Amino acid sequence: NRIIKRRTLAKDAIEKGFVLKNGRPAKPASEINPGDEIQIDFAN
């Protein structure tokens, strides 16, 4: 969905806690389902 350019960068961001799925820390292999809310904490 072009939110993060590369999958490795997405994996690193998730592992470092910058991405929450439904308000909770997620893992890179977490399955995504319709209705899920994803929060991404970028620097700016």
PDB file of all heavy atoms in Angstrom:
ATOM      1  N   ASN A   1       0.813  -1.209   0.000  1.00  0.00           N
ATOM      2  CA  ASN A   1       0.000   0.000   0.000  1.00  0.00           C
ATOM      3  C   ASN A   1       0.854   1.270   0.000  1.00  0.00           C
ATOM      4  O   ASN A   1       0.337   2.365   0.194  1.00  0.00           O
ATOM      5  CB  ASN A   1      -0.971  -0.002   1.180  1.00  0.00           C
ATOM      6  CG  ASN A   1      -2.160  -0.875   0.893  1.00  0.00           C
ATOM      7  OD1 ASN A   1      -3.023  -0.506   0.106  1.00  0.00           O
ATOM      8  ND2 ASN A   1      -2.209  -2.046   1.495  1.00  0.00           N
ATOM      9  N   ARG A   2       2.150   1.110  -0.183  1.00  0.00           N
ATOM     10  CA  ARG A   2       3.101   2.212  -0.318  1.00  0.00           C
ATOM     11  C   ARG A   2       3.139   3.145   0.892  1.00  0.00           C
ATOM     12  O   ARG A   2       3.325   4.346   0.751  1.00  0.00           O
ATOM     13  CB  ARG A   2       2.820   2.994  -1.592  1.00  0.00           C
ATOM     14  CG  ARG A   2       2.986   2.142  -2.815  1.00  0.00           C
ATOM     15  CD  ARG A   2       2.830   2.948  -4.062  1.00  0.00           C
ATOM     16  NE  ARG A   2       3.092   2.096  -5.213  1.00  0.00           N
ATOM     17  CZ  ARG A   2       2.291   2.040  -6.261  1.00  0.00           C
ATOM     18  NH1 ARG A   2       1.220   2.772  -6.317  1.00  0.00           N
ATOM     19  NH2 ARG A   2       2.588   1.254  -7.265  1.00  0.00           N
ATOM     20  N   ILE A   3       2.930   2.575   2.060  1.00  0.00           N
ATOM     21  CA  ILE A   3       3.036   3.358   3.284  1.00  0.00           C
ATOM     22  C   ILE A   3       4.502   3.411   3.704  1.00  0.00           C
ATOM     23  O   ILE A   3       5.000   4.439   4.147  1.00  0.00           O
ATOM     24  CB  ILE A   3       2.155   2.744   4.389  1.00  0.00           C
ATOM     25  CG1 ILE A   3       0.699   2.811   3.936  1.00  0.00           C
ATOM     26  CG2 ILE A   3       2.356   3.452   5.711  1.00  0.00           C
ATOM     27  CD1 ILE A   3      -0.231   1.969   4.732  1.00  0.00           C
ATOM     28  N   ILE A   4       5.192   2.284   3.543  1.00  0.00           N
ATOM     29  CA  ILE A   4       6.631   2.200   3.777  1.00  0.00           C
ATOM     30  C   ILE A   4       7.233   1.591   2.513  1.00  0.00           C
ATOM     31  O   ILE A   4       6.708   0.606   1.990  1.00  0.00           O
ATOM     32  CB  ILE A   4       6.949   1.348   5.027  1.00  0.00           C
ATOM     33  CG1 ILE A   4       6.345   2.006   6.273  1.00  0.00           C
ATOM     34  CG2 ILE A   4       8.457   1.181   5.188  1.00  0.00           C
ATOM     35  CD1 ILE A   4       6.556   1.258   7.561  1.00  0.00           C
ATOM     36  N   LYS A   5       8.328   2.184   2.024  1.00  0.00           N
ATOM     37  CA  LYS A   5       8.870   1.820   0.705  1.00  0.00           C
ATOM     38  C   LYS A   5       9.298   0.369   0.549  1.00  0.00           C
ATOM     39  O   LYS A   5       9.033  -0.246  -0.471  1.00  0.00           O
ATOM     40  CB  LYS A   5      10.073   2.699   0.356  1.00  0.00           C
ATOM     41  CG  LYS A   5       9.711   4.000  -0.235  1.00  0.00           C
ATOM     42  CD  LYS A   5      10.967   4.690  -0.719  1.00  0.00           C
ATOM     43  CE  LYS A   5      10.604   5.937  -1.479  1.00  0.00           C
ATOM     44  NZ  LYS A   5      11.768   6.576  -2.050  1.00  0.00           N
ATOM     45  N   ARG A   6      10.002  -0.159   1.532  1.00  0.00           N
ATOM     46  CA  ARG A   6      10.528  -1.518   1.404  1.00  0.00           C
ATOM     47  C   ARG A   6      10.039  -2.385   2.544  1.00  0.00           C
ATOM     48  O   ARG A   6       9.844  -1.933   3.663  1.00  0.00           O
ATOM     49  CB  ARG A   6      12.051  -1.491   1.383  1.00  0.00           C
ATOM     50  CG  ARG A   6      12.605  -0.784   0.164  1.00  0.00           C
ATOM     51  CD  ARG A   6      14.091  -0.966  -0.008  1.00  0.00           C
ATOM     52  NE  ARG A   6      14.822  -0.876   1.238  1.00  0.00           N
ATOM     53  CZ  ARG A   6      15.843  -0.057   1.449  1.00  0.00           C
ATOM     54  NH1 ARG A   6      16.251   0.744   0.522  1.00  0.00           N
ATOM     55  NH2 ARG A   6      16.460  -0.067   2.607  1.00  0.00           N
ATOM     56  N   ARG A   7       9.887  -3.665   2.246  1.00  0.00           N
ATOM     57  CA  ARG A   7       9.402  -4.611   3.246  1.00  0.00           C
ATOM     58  C   ARG A   7      10.377  -4.732   4.420  1.00  0.00           C
ATOM     59  O   ARG A   7       9.941  -4.866   5.574  1.00  0.00           O
ATOM     60  CB  ARG A   7       9.179  -5.973   2.581  1.00  0.00           C
ATOM     61  CG  ARG A   7       8.467  -6.964   3.462  1.00  0.00           C
ATOM     62  CD  ARG A   7       8.075  -8.167   2.650  1.00  0.00           C
ATOM     63  NE  ARG A   7       7.559  -9.219   3.504  1.00  0.00           N
ATOM     64  CZ  ARG A   7       7.152 -10.375   3.044  1.00  0.00           C
ATOM     65  NH1 ARG A   7       7.181 -10.629   1.760  1.00  0.00           N
ATOM     66  NH2 ARG A   7       6.704 -11.291   3.868  1.00  0.00           N
ATOM     67  N   THR A   8      11.663  -4.669   4.146  1.00  0.00           N
ATOM     68  CA  THR A   8      12.638  -4.764   5.242  1.00  0.00           C
ATOM     69  C   THR A   8      12.525  -3.558   6.175  1.00  0.00           C
ATOM     70  O   THR A   8      12.669  -3.708   7.393  1.00  0.00           O
ATOM     71  CB  THR A   8      14.080  -4.882   4.718  1.00  0.00           C
ATOM     72  OG1 THR A   8      14.350  -3.795   3.844  1.00  0.00           O
ATOM     73  CG2 THR A   8      14.297  -6.184   3.988  1.00  0.00           C
ATOM     74  N   LEU A   9      12.265  -2.381   5.616  1.00  0.00           N
ATOM     75  CA  LEU A   9      12.063  -1.196   6.457  1.00  0.00           C
ATOM     76  C   LEU A   9      10.781  -1.332   7.276  1.00  0.00           C
ATOM     77  O   LEU A   9      10.739  -0.945   8.447  1.00  0.00           O
ATOM     78  CB  LEU A   9      11.999   0.064   5.595  1.00  0.00           C
ATOM     79  CG  LEU A   9      13.283   0.470   4.879  1.00  0.00           C
ATOM     80  CD1 LEU A   9      13.036   1.696   4.002  1.00  0.00           C
ATOM     81  CD2 LEU A   9      14.386   0.751   5.875  1.00  0.00           C
ATOM     82  N   ALA A  10       9.734  -1.878   6.659  1.00  0.00           N
ATOM     83  CA  ALA A  10       8.474  -2.106   7.373  1.00  0.00           C
ATOM     84  C   ALA A  10       8.699  -3.084   8.524  1.00  0.00           C
ATOM     85  O   ALA A  10       8.235  -2.858   9.644  1.00  0.00           O
ATOM     86  CB  ALA A  10       7.412  -2.628   6.419  1.00  0.00           C
ATOM     87  N   LYS A  11       9.435  -4.155   8.254  1.00  0.00           N
ATOM     88  CA  LYS A  11       9.723  -5.166   9.285  1.00  0.00           C
ATOM     89  C   LYS A  11      10.482  -4.535  10.451  1.00  0.00           C
ATOM     90  O   LYS A  11      10.140  -4.762  11.611  1.00  0.00           O
ATOM     91  CB  LYS A  11      10.532  -6.303   8.655  1.00  0.00           C
ATOM     92  CG  LYS A  11      10.870  -7.422   9.591  1.00  0.00           C
ATOM     93  CD  LYS A  11      11.637  -8.512   8.845  1.00  0.00           C
ATOM     94  CE  LYS A  11      12.000  -9.650   9.738  1.00  0.00           C
ATOM     95  NZ  LYS A  11      13.207  -9.442  10.506  1.00  0.00           N
ATOM     96  N   ASP A  12      11.492  -3.719  10.140  1.00  0.00           N
ATOM     97  CA  ASP A  12      12.274  -3.056  11.193  1.00  0.00           C
ATOM     98  C   ASP A  12      11.404  -2.115  12.021  1.00  0.00           C
ATOM     99  O   ASP A  12      11.502  -2.089  13.249  1.00  0.00           O
ATOM    100  CB  ASP A  12      13.438  -2.273  10.589  1.00  0.00           C
ATOM    101  CG  ASP A  12      14.536  -3.173  10.047  1.00  0.00           C
ATOM    102  OD1 ASP A  12      14.545  -4.379  10.380  1.00  0.00           O
ATOM    103  OD2 ASP A  12      15.389  -2.665   9.283  1.00  0.00           O
ATOM    104  N   ALA A  13      10.556  -1.329  11.357  1.00  0.00           N
ATOM    105  CA  ALA A  13       9.678  -0.385  12.069  1.00  0.00           C
ATOM    106  C   ALA A  13       8.726  -1.126  12.999  1.00  0.00           C
ATOM    107  O   ALA A  13       8.488  -0.699  14.134  1.00  0.00           O
ATOM    108  CB  ALA A  13       8.901   0.463  11.070  1.00  0.00           C
ATOM    109  N   ILE A  14       8.191  -2.243  12.539  1.00  0.00           N
ATOM    110  CA  ILE A  14       7.265  -3.036  13.363  1.00  0.00           C
ATOM    111  C   ILE A  14       7.995  -3.609  14.569  1.00  0.00           C
ATOM    112  O   ILE A  14       7.508  -3.529  15.703  1.00  0.00           O
ATOM    113  CB  ILE A  14       6.626  -4.158  12.517  1.00  0.00           C
ATOM    114  CG1 ILE A  14       5.767  -3.559  11.400  1.00  0.00           C
ATOM    115  CG2 ILE A  14       5.794  -5.082  13.400  1.00  0.00           C
ATOM    116  CD1 ILE A  14       5.386  -4.533  10.311  1.00  0.00           C
ATOM    117  N   GLU A  15       9.181  -4.176  14.339  1.00  0.00           N
ATOM    118  CA  GLU A  15       9.951  -4.775  15.432  1.00  0.00           C
ATOM    119  C   GLU A  15      10.391  -3.753  16.472  1.00  0.00           C
ATOM    120  O   GLU A  15      10.523  -4.070  17.648  1.00  0.00           O
ATOM    121  CB  GLU A  15      11.169  -5.517  14.873  1.00  0.00           C
ATOM    122  CG  GLU A  15      10.795  -6.798  14.156  1.00  0.00           C
ATOM    123  CD  GLU A  15      11.967  -7.481  13.469  1.00  0.00           C
ATOM    124  OE1 GLU A  15      13.024  -6.834  13.295  1.00  0.00           O
ATOM    125  OE2 GLU A  15      11.809  -8.655  13.099  1.00  0.00           O
ATOM    126  N   LYS A  16      10.603  -2.498  16.039  1.00  0.00           N
ATOM    127  CA  LYS A  16      11.018  -1.445  16.969  1.00  0.00           C
ATOM    128  C   LYS A  16       9.838  -0.797  17.691  1.00  0.00           C
ATOM    129  O   LYS A  16      10.021   0.096  18.500  1.00  0.00           O
ATOM    130  CB  LYS A  16      11.832  -0.387  16.221  1.00  0.00           C
ATOM    131  CG  LYS A  16      13.185  -0.906  15.795  1.00  0.00           C
ATOM    132  CD  LYS A  16      13.965   0.116  15.015  1.00  0.00           C
ATOM    133  CE  LYS A  16      15.307  -0.462  14.593  1.00  0.00           C
ATOM    134  NZ  LYS A  16      16.041   0.437  13.707  1.00  0.00           N
ATOM    135  N   GLY A  17       8.623  -1.221  17.383  1.00  0.00           N
ATOM    136  CA  GLY A  17       7.447  -0.724  18.098  1.00  0.00           C
ATOM    137  C   GLY A  17       6.814   0.523  17.520  1.00  0.00           C
ATOM    138  O   GLY A  17       5.985   1.157  18.164  1.00  0.00           O
ATOM    139  N   PHE A  18       7.174   0.901  16.296  1.00  0.00           N
ATOM    140  CA  PHE A  18       6.618   2.097  15.669  1.00  0.00           C
ATOM    141  C   PHE A  18       5.272   1.831  14.991  1.00  0.00           C
ATOM    142  O   PHE A  18       4.647   2.756  14.489  1.00  0.00           O
ATOM    143  CB  PHE A  18       7.587   2.682  14.640  1.00  0.00           C
ATOM    144  CG  PHE A  18       8.878   3.166  15.244  1.00  0.00           C
ATOM    145  CD1 PHE A  18      10.092   2.685  14.796  1.00  0.00           C
ATOM    146  CD2 PHE A  18       8.875   4.105  16.263  1.00  0.00           C
ATOM    147  CE1 PHE A  18      11.285   3.127  15.342  1.00  0.00           C
ATOM    148  CE2 PHE A  18      10.050   4.554  16.818  1.00  0.00           C
ATOM    149  CZ  PHE A  18      11.269   4.059  16.361  1.00  0.00           C
ATOM    150  N   VAL A  19       4.848   0.575  14.962  1.00  0.00           N
ATOM    151  CA  VAL A  19       3.584   0.212  14.315  1.00  0.00           C
ATOM    152  C   VAL A  19       2.712  -0.532  15.321  1.00  0.00           C
ATOM    153  O   VAL A  19       3.154  -1.493  15.950  1.00  0.00           O
ATOM    154  CB  VAL A  19       3.831  -0.683  13.070  1.00  0.00           C
ATOM    155  CG1 VAL A  19       2.516  -1.069  12.415  1.00  0.00           C
ATOM    156  CG2 VAL A  19       4.744   0.025  12.080  1.00  0.00           C
ATOM    157  N   LEU A  20       1.470  -0.064  15.465  1.00  0.00           N
ATOM    158  CA  LEU A  20       0.494  -0.721  16.334  1.00  0.00           C
ATOM    159  C   LEU A  20      -0.654  -1.248  15.486  1.00  0.00           C
ATOM    160  O   LEU A  20      -1.079  -0.598  14.536  1.00  0.00           O
ATOM    161  CB  LEU A  20      -0.056   0.258  17.366  1.00  0.00           C
ATOM    162  CG  LEU A  20       0.939   0.951  18.290  1.00  0.00           C
ATOM    163  CD1 LEU A  20       0.210   1.922  19.205  1.00  0.00           C
ATOM    164  CD2 LEU A  20       1.722  -0.060  19.104  1.00  0.00           C
ATOM    165  N   LYS A  21      -1.140  -2.416  15.835  1.00  0.00           N
ATOM    166  CA  LYS A  21      -2.310  -2.994  15.169  1.00  0.00           C
ATOM    167  C   LYS A  21      -3.421  -3.057  16.207  1.00  0.00           C
ATOM    168  O   LYS A  21      -3.267  -3.716  17.243  1.00  0.00           O
ATOM    169  CB  LYS A  21      -1.978  -4.383  14.637  1.00  0.00           C
ATOM    170  CG  LYS A  21      -3.150  -5.088  13.995  1.00  0.00           C
ATOM    171  CD  LYS A  21      -2.762  -6.493  13.551  1.00  0.00           C
ATOM    172  CE  LYS A  21      -3.990  -7.311  13.301  1.00  0.00           C
ATOM    173  NZ  LYS A  21      -3.708  -8.726  13.201  1.00  0.00           N
ATOM    174  N   ASN A  22      -4.506  -2.353  15.948  1.00  0.00           N
ATOM    175  CA  ASN A  22      -5.641  -2.289  16.872  1.00  0.00           C
ATOM    176  C   ASN A  22      -5.201  -1.868  18.273  1.00  0.00           C
ATOM    177  O   ASN A  22      -5.656  -2.400  19.279  1.00  0.00           O
ATOM    178  CB  ASN A  22      -6.393  -3.619  16.903  1.00  0.00           C
ATOM    179  CG  ASN A  22      -6.990  -3.960  15.555  1.00  0.00           C
ATOM    180  OD1 ASN A  22      -7.456  -3.087  14.833  1.00  0.00           O
ATOM    181  ND2 ASN A  22      -6.957  -5.230  15.197  1.00  0.00           N
ATOM    182  N   GLY A  23      -4.254  -0.905  18.330  1.00  0.00           N
ATOM    183  CA  GLY A  23      -3.817  -0.349  19.601  1.00  0.00           C
ATOM    184  C   GLY A  23      -2.783  -1.153  20.351  1.00  0.00           C
ATOM    185  O   GLY A  23      -2.397  -0.794  21.456  1.00  0.00           O
ATOM    186  N   ARG A  24      -2.316  -2.254  19.760  1.00  0.00           N
ATOM    187  CA  ARG A  24      -1.333  -3.104  20.434  1.00  0.00           C
ATOM    188  C   ARG A  24      -0.094  -3.278  19.569  1.00  0.00           C
ATOM    189  O   ARG A  24      -0.192  -3.278  18.348  1.00  0.00           O
ATOM    190  CB  ARG A  24      -1.934  -4.481  20.706  1.00  0.00           C
ATOM    191  CG  ARG A  24      -3.083  -4.423  21.660  1.00  0.00           C
ATOM    192  CD  ARG A  24      -3.465  -5.809  22.071  1.00  0.00           C
ATOM    193  NE  ARG A  24      -4.389  -5.720  23.197  1.00  0.00           N
ATOM    194  CZ  ARG A  24      -5.371  -6.552  23.392  1.00  0.00           C
ATOM    195  NH1 ARG A  24      -5.578  -7.539  22.565  1.00  0.00           N
ATOM    196  NH2 ARG A  24      -6.162  -6.403  24.429  1.00  0.00           N
ATOM    197  N   PRO A  25       1.062  -3.496  20.193  1.00  0.00           N
ATOM    198  CA  PRO A  25       2.269  -3.765  19.399  1.00  0.00           C
ATOM    199  C   PRO A  25       2.047  -4.995  18.518  1.00  0.00           C
ATOM    200  O   PRO A  25       1.406  -5.956  18.926  1.00  0.00           O
ATOM    201  CB  PRO A  25       3.344  -4.043  20.460  1.00  0.00           C
ATOM    202  CG  PRO A  25       2.838  -3.367  21.691  1.00  0.00           C
ATOM    203  CD  PRO A  25       1.343  -3.457  21.629  1.00  0.00           C
ATOM    204  N   ALA A  26       2.573  -4.930  17.312  1.00  0.00           N
ATOM    205  CA  ALA A  26       2.359  -6.009  16.350  1.00  0.00           C
ATOM    206  C   ALA A  26       3.670  -6.704  16.027  1.00  0.00           C
ATOM    207  O   ALA A  26       4.741  -6.271  16.448  1.00  0.00           O
ATOM    208  CB  ALA A  26       1.752  -5.434  15.079  1.00  0.00           C
ATOM    209  N   LYS A  27       3.561  -7.791  15.283  1.00  0.00           N
ATOM    210  CA  LYS A  27       4.726  -8.496  14.763  1.00  0.00           C
ATOM    211  C   LYS A  27       4.656  -8.424  13.239  1.00  0.00           C
ATOM    212  O   LYS A  27       3.568  -8.310  12.673  1.00  0.00           O
ATOM    213  CB  LYS A  27       4.717  -9.950  15.218  1.00  0.00           C
ATOM    214  CG  LYS A  27       4.901 -10.080  16.721  1.00  0.00           C
ATOM    215  CD  LYS A  27       5.022 -11.513  17.123  1.00  0.00           C
ATOM    216  CE  LYS A  27       5.253 -11.572  18.634  1.00  0.00           C
ATOM    217  NZ  LYS A  27       5.407 -12.936  19.106  1.00  0.00           N
ATOM    218  N   PRO A  28       5.802  -8.484  12.560  1.00  0.00           N
ATOM    219  CA  PRO A  28       5.797  -8.392  11.096  1.00  0.00           C
ATOM    220  C   PRO A  28       4.906  -9.423  10.415  1.00  0.00           C
ATOM    221  O   PRO A  28       4.295  -9.156   9.389  1.00  0.00           O
ATOM    222  CB  PRO A  28       7.261  -8.611  10.718  1.00  0.00           C
ATOM    223  CG  PRO A  28       8.030  -8.196  11.919  1.00  0.00           C
ATOM    224  CD  PRO A  28       7.158  -8.557  13.091  1.00  0.00           C
ATOM    225  N   ALA A  29       4.782 -10.606  10.992  1.00  0.00           N
ATOM    226  CA  ALA A  29       3.986 -11.675  10.388  1.00  0.00           C
ATOM    227  C   ALA A  29       2.514 -11.639  10.805  1.00  0.00           C
ATOM    228  O   ALA A  29       1.751 -12.523  10.423  1.00  0.00           O
ATOM    229  CB  ALA A  29       4.589 -13.027  10.720  1.00  0.00           C
ATOM    230  N   SER A  30       2.106 -10.625  11.570  1.00  0.00           N
ATOM    231  CA  SER A  30       0.705 -10.518  11.971  1.00  0.00           C
ATOM    232  C   SER A  30      -0.185 -10.473  10.738  1.00  0.00           C
ATOM    233  O   SER A  30       0.105  -9.769   9.785  1.00  0.00           O
ATOM    234  CB  SER A  30       0.462  -9.235  12.776  1.00  0.00           C
ATOM    235  OG  SER A  30       1.208  -9.224  13.946  1.00  0.00           O
ATOM    236  N   GLU A  31      -1.283 -11.250  10.769  1.00  0.00           N
ATOM    237  CA  GLU A  31      -2.216 -11.234   9.646  1.00  0.00           C
ATOM    238  C   GLU A  31      -3.094  -9.997   9.709  1.00  0.00           C
ATOM    239  O   GLU A  31      -3.544  -9.597  10.777  1.00  0.00           O
ATOM    240  CB  GLU A  31      -3.099 -12.479   9.664  1.00  0.00           C
ATOM    241  CG  GLU A  31      -2.403 -13.711   9.189  1.00  0.00           C
ATOM    242  CD  GLU A  31      -3.344 -14.896   9.048  1.00  0.00           C
ATOM    243  OE1 GLU A  31      -4.538 -14.783   9.407  1.00  0.00           O
ATOM    244  OE2 GLU A  31      -2.878 -15.942   8.580  1.00  0.00           O
ATOM    245  N   ILE A  32      -3.328  -9.406   8.545  1.00  0.00           N
ATOM    246  CA  ILE A  32      -4.169  -8.218   8.430  1.00  0.00           C
ATOM    247  C   ILE A  32      -5.550  -8.639   7.976  1.00  0.00           C
ATOM    248  O   ILE A  32      -5.694  -9.444   7.051  1.00  0.00           O
ATOM    249  CB  ILE A  32      -3.550  -7.234   7.407  1.00  0.00           C
ATOM    250  CG1 ILE A  32      -2.210  -6.742   7.916  1.00  0.00           C
ATOM    251  CG2 ILE A  32      -4.473  -6.073   7.119  1.00  0.00           C
ATOM    252  CD1 ILE A  32      -2.273  -6.005   9.224  1.00  0.00           C
ATOM    253  N   ASN A  33      -6.572  -8.107   8.628  1.00  0.00           N
ATOM    254  CA  ASN A  33      -7.959  -8.390   8.276  1.00  0.00           C
ATOM    255  C   ASN A  33      -8.707  -7.081   8.044  1.00  0.00           C
ATOM    256  O   ASN A  33      -8.357  -6.053   8.628  1.00  0.00           O
ATOM    257  CB  ASN A  33      -8.640  -9.162   9.414  1.00  0.00           C
ATOM    258  CG  ASN A  33      -7.975 -10.486   9.675  1.00  0.00           C
ATOM    259  OD1 ASN A  33      -7.888 -11.325   8.793  1.00  0.00           O
ATOM    260  ND2 ASN A  33      -7.483 -10.670  10.893  1.00  0.00           N
ATOM    261  N   PRO A  34      -9.739  -7.111   7.213  1.00  0.00           N
ATOM    262  CA  PRO A  34     -10.554  -5.903   7.027  1.00  0.00           C
ATOM    263  C   PRO A  34     -11.085  -5.406   8.371  1.00  0.00           C
ATOM    264  O   PRO A  34     -11.472  -6.197   9.232  1.00  0.00           O
ATOM    265  CB  PRO A  34     -11.692  -6.382   6.124  1.00  0.00           C
ATOM    266  CG  PRO A  34     -11.110  -7.540   5.387  1.00  0.00           C
ATOM    267  CD  PRO A  34     -10.190  -8.214   6.371  1.00  0.00           C
ATOM    268  N   GLY A  35     -11.041  -4.097   8.565  1.00  0.00           N
ATOM    269  CA  GLY A  35     -11.496  -3.496   9.811  1.00  0.00           C
ATOM    270  C   GLY A  35     -10.381  -3.219  10.799  1.00  0.00           C
ATOM    271  O   GLY A  35     -10.565  -2.464  11.748  1.00  0.00           O
ATOM    272  N   ASP A  36      -9.208  -3.824  10.605  1.00  0.00           N
ATOM    273  CA  ASP A  36      -8.074  -3.567  11.490  1.00  0.00           C
ATOM    274  C   ASP A  36      -7.648  -2.109  11.372  1.00  0.00           C
ATOM    275  O   ASP A  36      -7.707  -1.516  10.300  1.00  0.00           O
ATOM    276  CB  ASP A  36      -6.875  -4.454  11.137  1.00  0.00           C
ATOM    277  CG  ASP A  36      -7.036  -5.891  11.585  1.00  0.00           C
ATOM    278  OD1 ASP A  36      -7.927  -6.176  12.416  1.00  0.00           O
ATOM    279  OD2 ASP A  36      -6.269  -6.744  11.093  1.00  0.00           O
ATOM    280  N   GLU A  37      -7.232  -1.548  12.503  1.00  0.00           N
ATOM    281  CA  GLU A  37      -6.723  -0.182  12.513  1.00  0.00           C
ATOM    282  C   GLU A  37      -5.222  -0.243  12.783  1.00  0.00           C
ATOM    283  O   GLU A  37      -4.792  -0.847  13.758  1.00  0.00           O
ATOM    284  CB  GLU A  37      -7.446   0.635  13.582  1.00  0.00           C
ATOM    285  CG  GLU A  37      -7.327   2.118  13.368  1.00  0.00           C
ATOM    286  CD  GLU A  37      -8.290   2.894  14.238  1.00  0.00           C
ATOM    287  OE1 GLU A  37      -9.457   3.038  13.853  1.00  0.00           O
ATOM    288  OE2 GLU A  37      -7.839   3.345  15.303  1.00  0.00           O
ATOM    289  N   ILE A  38      -4.449   0.378  11.898  1.00  0.00           N
ATOM    290  CA  ILE A  38      -2.992   0.354  11.981  1.00  0.00           C
ATOM    291  C   ILE A  38      -2.498   1.770  12.255  1.00  0.00           C
ATOM    292  O   ILE A  38      -2.884   2.705  11.571  1.00  0.00           O
ATOM    293  CB  ILE A  38      -2.365  -0.141  10.658  1.00  0.00           C
ATOM    294  CG1 ILE A  38      -3.018  -1.435  10.154  1.00  0.00           C
ATOM    295  CG2 ILE A  38      -0.856  -0.279  10.789  1.00  0.00           C
ATOM    296  CD1 ILE A  38      -2.840  -2.615  11.043  1.00  0.00           C
ATOM    297  N   GLN A  39      -1.638   1.911  13.272  1.00  0.00           N
ATOM    298  CA  GLN A  39      -1.033   3.207  13.578  1.00  0.00           C
ATOM    299  C   GLN A  39       0.454   3.112  13.301  1.00  0.00           C
ATOM    300  O   GLN A  39       1.132   2.230  13.810  1.00  0.00           O
ATOM    301  CB  GLN A  39      -1.266   3.574  15.037  1.00  0.00           C
ATOM    302  CG  GLN A  39      -0.587   4.876  15.431  1.00  0.00           C
ATOM    303  CD  GLN A  39      -0.874   5.255  16.863  1.00  0.00           C
ATOM    304  OE1 GLN A  39      -2.003   5.165  17.315  1.00  0.00           O
ATOM    305  NE2 GLN A  39       0.155   5.674  17.576  1.00  0.00           N
ATOM    306  N   ILE A  40       0.958   4.040  12.472  1.00  0.00           N
ATOM    307  CA  ILE A  40       2.368   4.079  12.127  1.00  0.00           C
ATOM    308  C   ILE A  40       2.954   5.378  12.667  1.00  0.00           C
ATOM    309  O   ILE A  40       2.474   6.461  12.345  1.00  0.00           O
ATOM    310  CB  ILE A  40       2.596   3.987  10.603  1.00  0.00           C
ATOM    311  CG1 ILE A  40       1.920   2.727  10.042  1.00  0.00           C
ATOM    312  CG2 ILE A  40       4.081   3.934  10.285  1.00  0.00           C
ATOM    313  CD1 ILE A  40       0.631   2.996   9.364  1.00  0.00           C
ATOM    314  N   ASP A  41       3.993   5.261  13.481  1.00  0.00           N
ATOM    315  CA  ASP A  41       4.642   6.410  14.108  1.00  0.00           C
ATOM    316  C   ASP A  41       5.900   6.765  13.318  1.00  0.00           C
ATOM    317  O   ASP A  41       6.939   6.136  13.481  1.00  0.00           O
ATOM    318  CB  ASP A  41       4.981   6.058  15.553  1.00  0.00           C
ATOM    319  CG  ASP A  41       5.458   7.239  16.357  1.00  0.00           C
ATOM    320  OD1 ASP A  41       5.547   8.350  15.806  1.00  0.00           O
ATOM    321  OD2 ASP A  41       5.750   7.047  17.546  1.00  0.00           O
ATOM    322  N   PHE A  42       5.780   7.741  12.416  1.00  0.00           N
ATOM    323  CA  PHE A  42       6.925   8.231  11.651  1.00  0.00           C
ATOM    324  C   PHE A  42       7.624   9.309  12.474  1.00  0.00           C
ATOM    325  O   PHE A  42       7.097   9.770  13.472  1.00  0.00           O
ATOM    326  CB  PHE A  42       6.466   8.836  10.314  1.00  0.00           C
ATOM    327  CG  PHE A  42       5.881   7.834   9.354  1.00  0.00           C
ATOM    328  CD1 PHE A  42       4.505   7.701   9.226  1.00  0.00           C
ATOM    329  CD2 PHE A  42       6.698   7.037   8.574  1.00  0.00           C
ATOM    330  CE1 PHE A  42       3.959   6.793   8.336  1.00  0.00           C
ATOM    331  CE2 PHE A  42       6.168   6.125   7.679  1.00  0.00           C
ATOM    332  CZ  PHE A  42       4.791   5.998   7.563  1.00  0.00           C
ATOM    333  N   ALA A  43       8.795   9.742  12.033  1.00  0.00           N
ATOM    334  CA  ALA A  43       9.550  10.770  12.762  1.00  0.00           C
ATOM    335  C   ALA A  43       8.801  12.094  12.823  1.00  0.00           C
ATOM    336  O   ALA A  43       8.814  12.780  13.842  1.00  0.00           O
ATOM    337  CB  ALA A  43      10.915  10.973  12.113  1.00  0.00           C
ATOM    338  N   ASN A  44       8.109  12.462  11.744  1.00  0.00           N
ATOM    339  CA  ASN A  44       7.453  13.772  11.682  1.00  0.00           C
ATOM    340  C   ASN A  44       5.927  13.730  11.734  1.00  0.00           C
ATOM    341  O   ASN A  44       5.287  14.764  11.673  1.00  0.00           O
ATOM    342  CB  ASN A  44       7.888  14.504  10.406  1.00  0.00           C
ATOM    343  CG  ASN A  44       7.504  13.752   9.152  1.00  0.00           C
ATOM    344  OD1 ASN A  44       7.150  12.577   9.205  1.00  0.00           O
ATOM    345  ND2 ASN A  44       7.557  14.422   8.028  1.00  0.00           N
TER     346      ASN A  44
END
